[in-house]
C-alpha atoms as a PDB file:
ATOM      1  CA  MET A   1     -19.924   5.679  15.227  1.00  0.00           C
ATOM      2  CA  THR A   2     -18.304   5.257  11.807  1.00  0.00           C
ATOM      3  CA  LYS A   3     -15.469   7.708  11.322  1.00  0.00           C
ATOM      4  CA  LYS A   4     -14.999   9.086   7.828  1.00  0.00           C
ATOM      5  CA  THR A   5     -11.484  10.281   7.194  1.00  0.00           C
ATOM      6  CA  ASN A   6      -9.000  10.935   4.454  1.00  0.00           C
ATOM      7  CA  HIS A   7      -6.022  10.637   6.785  1.00  0.00           C
ATOM      8  CA  PRO A   8      -3.506   8.258   5.179  1.00  0.00           C
ATOM      9  CA  ASP A   9      -3.334   6.046   8.279  1.00  0.00           C
ATOM     10  CA  ARG A  10      -7.030   5.835   9.099  1.00  0.00           C
ATOM     11  CA  GLY A  11     -10.073   4.079   7.733  1.00  0.00           C
ATOM     12  CA  ALA A  12     -11.094   0.508   7.071  1.00  0.00           C
ATOM     13  CA  ILE A  13      -9.092  -2.002   5.059  1.00  0.00           C
ATOM     14  CA  LEU A  14     -10.869  -5.172   3.921  1.00  0.00           C
ATOM     15  CA  VAL A  15      -8.688  -8.288   4.055  1.00  0.00           C
ATOM     16  CA  VAL A  16      -9.940 -11.323   2.113  1.00  0.00           C
ATOM     17  CA  ASP A  17      -7.718 -14.359   2.723  1.00  0.00           C
ATOM     18  CA  ASP A  18      -8.692 -17.941   3.509  1.00  0.00           C
ATOM     19  CA  HIS A  19      -5.937 -18.411   6.107  1.00  0.00           C
ATOM     20  CA  GLU A  20      -7.096 -17.329   9.541  1.00  0.00           C
ATOM     21  CA  LEU A  21      -3.549 -16.763  10.832  1.00  0.00           C
ATOM     22  CA  VAL A  22      -2.742 -14.545   7.837  1.00  0.00           C
ATOM     23  CA  CYS A  23      -5.897 -12.487   8.422  1.00  0.00           C
ATOM     24  CA  GLU A  24      -5.121 -12.173  12.119  1.00  0.00           C
ATOM     25  CA  GLY A  25      -1.530 -11.081  11.469  1.00  0.00           C
ATOM     26  CA  ILE A  26      -2.617  -8.508   8.902  1.00  0.00           C
ATOM     27  CA  ARG A  27      -5.379  -7.262  11.215  1.00  0.00           C
ATOM     28  CA  ARG A  28      -2.905  -6.683  14.046  1.00  0.00           C
ATOM     29  CA  THR A  29      -0.471  -4.889  11.738  1.00  0.00           C
ATOM     30  CA  LEU A  30      -3.191  -2.651  10.316  1.00  0.00           C
ATOM     31  CA  GLU A  31      -4.622  -1.787  13.710  1.00  0.00           C
ATOM     32  CA  ALA A  32      -1.157  -0.984  15.080  1.00  0.00           C
ATOM     33  CA  ALA A  33      -0.767   1.450  12.166  1.00  0.00           C
ATOM     34  CA  GLY A  34      -4.103   3.136  12.927  1.00  0.00           C
ATOM     35  CA  PHE A  35      -6.369   1.412  10.416  1.00  0.00           C
ATOM     36  CA  GLU A  36      -9.522  -0.572  11.091  1.00  0.00           C
ATOM     37  CA  ALA A  37      -9.388  -4.090   9.661  1.00  0.00           C
ATOM     38  CA  LEU A  38     -12.331  -6.069   8.339  1.00  0.00           C
ATOM     39  CA  THR A  39     -11.420  -9.700   7.647  1.00  0.00           C
ATOM     40  CA  ALA A  40     -13.083 -12.383   5.565  1.00  0.00           C
ATOM     41  CA  LEU A  41     -12.000 -16.008   5.210  1.00  0.00           C
ATOM     42  CA  SER A  42     -13.866 -16.599   1.937  1.00  0.00           C
ATOM     43  CA  GLY A  43     -14.822 -14.754  -1.190  1.00  0.00           C
ATOM     44  CA  ARG A  44     -18.501 -14.900  -0.258  1.00  0.00           C
ATOM     45  CA  THR A  45     -17.862 -13.313   3.147  1.00  0.00           C
ATOM     46  CA  GLY A  46     -15.560 -10.752   1.550  1.00  0.00           C
ATOM     47  CA  ILE A  47     -18.255  -9.678  -0.912  1.00  0.00           C
ATOM     48  CA  ALA A  48     -20.862  -9.479   1.874  1.00  0.00           C
ATOM     49  CA  LEU A  49     -18.572  -7.388   4.104  1.00  0.00           C
ATOM     50  CA  PHE A  50     -17.703  -5.142   1.205  1.00  0.00           C
ATOM     51  CA  ARG A  51     -21.359  -4.536   0.349  1.00  0.00           C
ATOM     52  CA  ARG A  52     -22.146  -3.798   4.000  1.00  0.00           C
ATOM     53  CA  HIS A  53     -19.213  -1.397   4.503  1.00  0.00           C
ATOM     54  CA  ALA A  54     -18.488  -0.153   0.962  1.00  0.00           C
ATOM     55  CA  SER A  55     -18.506   3.524   1.887  1.00  0.00           C
ATOM     56  CA  GLU A  56     -16.080   3.010   4.800  1.00  0.00           C
ATOM     57  CA  ILE A  57     -13.513   0.786   3.077  1.00  0.00           C
ATOM     58  CA  ARG A  58     -10.452   2.610   1.766  1.00  0.00           C
ATOM     59  CA  ALA A  59      -8.618  -0.375   0.233  1.00  0.00           C
ATOM     60  CA  VAL A  60      -8.835  -4.145  -0.167  1.00  0.00           C
ATOM     61  CA  LEU A  61      -6.165  -6.805   0.313  1.00  0.00           C
ATOM     62  CA  LEU A  62      -7.307  -9.751  -1.817  1.00  0.00           C
ATOM     63  CA  ASP A  63      -5.728 -13.201  -1.790  1.00  0.00           C
ATOM     64  CA  LEU A  64      -5.506 -14.918  -5.164  1.00  0.00           C
ATOM     65  CA  ARG A  65      -6.720 -18.311  -3.957  1.00  0.00           C
ATOM     66  CA  LEU A  66     -10.056 -18.391  -2.145  1.00  0.00           C
ATOM     67  CA  PRO A  67     -12.654 -21.068  -1.440  1.00  0.00           C
ATOM     68  CA  GLY A  68     -16.050 -20.589  -3.044  1.00  0.00           C
ATOM     69  CA  GLU A  69     -16.170 -17.294  -4.887  1.00  0.00           C
ATOM     70  CA  SER A  70     -12.885 -16.688  -6.663  1.00  0.00           C
ATOM     71  CA  ALA A  71     -10.621 -13.669  -6.355  1.00  0.00           C
ATOM     72  CA  ALA A  72     -11.916 -12.596  -9.787  1.00  0.00           C
ATOM     73  CA  GLU A  73     -15.529 -12.687  -8.553  1.00  0.00           C
ATOM     74  CA  VAL A  74     -14.608 -10.684  -5.450  1.00  0.00           C
ATOM     75  CA  PHE A  75     -12.666  -8.190  -7.564  1.00  0.00           C
ATOM     76  CA  ASP A  76     -15.593  -7.775  -9.975  1.00  0.00           C
ATOM     77  CA  ALA A  77     -18.055  -7.222  -7.094  1.00  0.00           C
ATOM     78  CA  ILE A  78     -15.785  -4.543  -5.622  1.00  0.00           C
ATOM     79  CA  ARG A  79     -15.280  -2.832  -8.976  1.00  0.00           C
ATOM     80  CA  GLY A  80     -19.034  -2.895  -9.583  1.00  0.00           C
ATOM     81  CA  LEU A  81     -19.621  -0.745  -6.502  1.00  0.00           C
ATOM     82  CA  ARG A  82     -16.395   1.250  -6.201  1.00  0.00           C
ATOM     83  CA  PRO A  83     -14.535   1.289  -9.549  1.00  0.00           C
ATOM     84  CA  HIS A  84     -11.522   3.255  -8.270  1.00  0.00           C
ATOM     85  CA  LEU A  85     -11.017   1.630  -4.877  1.00  0.00           C
ATOM     86  CA  PRO A  86      -7.429   0.403  -4.394  1.00  0.00           C
ATOM     87  CA  VAL A  87      -7.272  -3.409  -4.610  1.00  0.00           C
ATOM     88  CA  ILE A  88      -3.972  -5.022  -3.673  1.00  0.00           C
ATOM     89  CA  LEU A  89      -3.538  -8.638  -4.735  1.00  0.00           C
ATOM     90  CA  ILE A  90      -1.664 -10.778  -2.188  1.00  0.00           C
ATOM     91  CA  SER A  91      -0.327 -14.217  -3.008  1.00  0.00           C
ATOM     92  CA  GLY A  92       2.450 -16.722  -2.527  1.00  0.00           C
ATOM     93  CA  THR A  93       2.317 -17.232  -6.299  1.00  0.00           C
ATOM     94  CA  PRO A  94       4.875 -15.185  -8.255  1.00  0.00           C
ATOM     95  CA  GLU A  95       3.453 -11.847  -9.422  1.00  0.00           C
ATOM     96  CA  ALA A  96       3.434 -12.514 -13.177  1.00  0.00           C
ATOM     97  CA  ILE A  97       1.563 -15.790 -12.717  1.00  0.00           C
ATOM     98  CA  ALA A  98      -0.831 -14.314 -10.127  1.00  0.00           C
ATOM     99  CA  ARG A  99      -1.731 -11.388 -12.377  1.00  0.00           C
ATOM    100  CA  GLN A 100      -2.230 -13.764 -15.310  1.00  0.00           C
ATOM    101  CA  GLU A 101      -4.478 -16.032 -13.225  1.00  0.00           C
ATOM    102  CA  LEU A 102      -6.623 -13.149 -12.005  1.00  0.00           C
ATOM    103  CA  SER A 103      -6.658 -11.676 -15.531  1.00  0.00           C
ATOM    104  CA  ARG A 104      -8.300  -8.435 -14.455  1.00  0.00           C
ATOM    105  CA  SER A 105      -6.998  -4.991 -15.244  1.00  0.00           C
ATOM    106  CA  GLY A 106      -7.066  -2.296 -12.619  1.00  0.00           C
ATOM    107  CA  LEU A 107      -5.212  -3.966  -9.781  1.00  0.00           C
ATOM    108  CA  THR A 108      -3.528  -1.283  -7.721  1.00  0.00           C
ATOM    109  CA  ALA A 109      -0.568  -3.353  -6.560  1.00  0.00           C
ATOM    110  CA  PHE A 110       0.758  -6.825  -5.824  1.00  0.00           C
ATOM    111  CA  LEU A 111       2.231  -7.976  -2.515  1.00  0.00           C
ATOM    112  CA  GLN A 112       4.215 -11.210  -2.478  1.00  0.00           C
ATOM    113  CA  LYS A 113       3.682 -13.542   0.483  1.00  0.00           C
ATOM    114  CA  PRO A 114       5.350 -13.803   2.878  1.00  0.00           C
ATOM    115  CA  PHE A 115       5.622 -10.066   3.526  1.00  0.00           C
ATOM    116  CA  ASP A 116       6.748  -8.069   6.521  1.00  0.00           C
ATOM    117  CA  HIS A 117       4.754  -5.516   8.508  1.00  0.00           C
ATOM    118  CA  ALA A 118       6.625  -2.535   7.094  1.00  0.00           C
ATOM    119  CA  GLY A 119       6.134  -3.700   3.506  1.00  0.00           C
ATOM    120  CA  LEU A 120       2.417  -4.204   4.077  1.00  0.00           C
ATOM    121  CA  ILE A 121       1.886  -0.740   5.533  1.00  0.00           C
ATOM    122  CA  ARG A 122       4.086   0.873   2.870  1.00  0.00           C
ATOM    123  CA  ILE A 123       2.118  -0.632  -0.023  1.00  0.00           C
ATOM    124  CA  ILE A 124      -1.218   0.323   1.571  1.00  0.00           C
ATOM    125  CA  ARG A 125      -0.066   3.907   2.111  1.00  0.00           C
ATOM    126  CA  GLU A 126       1.183   4.101  -1.484  1.00  0.00           C
ATOM    127  CA  ALA A 127      -2.134   2.734  -2.748  1.00  0.00           C
ATOM    128  CA  LEU A 128      -4.119   5.236  -0.680  1.00  0.00           C
ATOM    129  CA  GLU A 129      -1.950   8.161  -1.752  1.00  0.00           C
ATOM    130  CA  GLY A 130      -2.375   7.188  -5.397  1.00  0.00           C
ATOM    131  CA  SER A 131      -6.108   6.545  -5.164  1.00  0.00           C
ATOM    132  CA  PRO A 132      -8.123   8.813  -7.454  1.00  0.00           C
ATOM    133  CA  SER A 133     -11.240   8.497  -5.285  1.00  0.00           C
ATOM    134  CA  GLN A 134     -10.569  11.719  -3.358  1.00  0.00           C
ATOM    135  CA  ASP A 135      -9.940  13.806  -6.491  1.00  0.00           C
ATOM    136  CA  ALA A 136     -12.401  12.183  -8.874  1.00  0.00           C
ATOM    137  CA  GLY A 137     -15.501  12.007  -6.694  1.00  0.00           C
ATOM    138  CA  GLY A 138     -14.984   8.339  -5.973  1.00  0.00           C
ATOM    139  CA  SER A 139     -18.450   7.590  -4.642  1.00  0.00           C
ATOM    140  CA  PRO A 140     -20.380   5.192  -6.851  1.00  0.00           C
ATOM    141  CA  ALA A 141     -23.610   6.103  -8.553  1.00  0.00           C
ATOM    142  CA  GLY A 142     -26.373   4.247  -6.713  1.00  0.00           C
END
């Protein structure tokens, strides 16, 4: 049932944001563009979904502020399994401050909230096109 694809507008995107309306809006935008959306309202749920669907997920949208497990903990869990997976930080906090707060290297991009549908899809497509996982054998070692 799971479809594996390298098409730029297909595959699963994990959205980790503690605002249900934000997740729902992003989900609708992604699905309208041909992606599958997996949503999590907490860091703990995001990590669990990622572990369950790691091979299907093509990119992650990660909110800076999360209840429970922090964005840094979610980021580290993702990087532990898929070191080259595109991770896009989303936040209402200005980019310089958000990047300083997360203090992790390897973020693919930053998307300032509020964002529009076109901007969201554009940054995801750019992240997927620039992802080394297709060229560098991006599957993790066990």
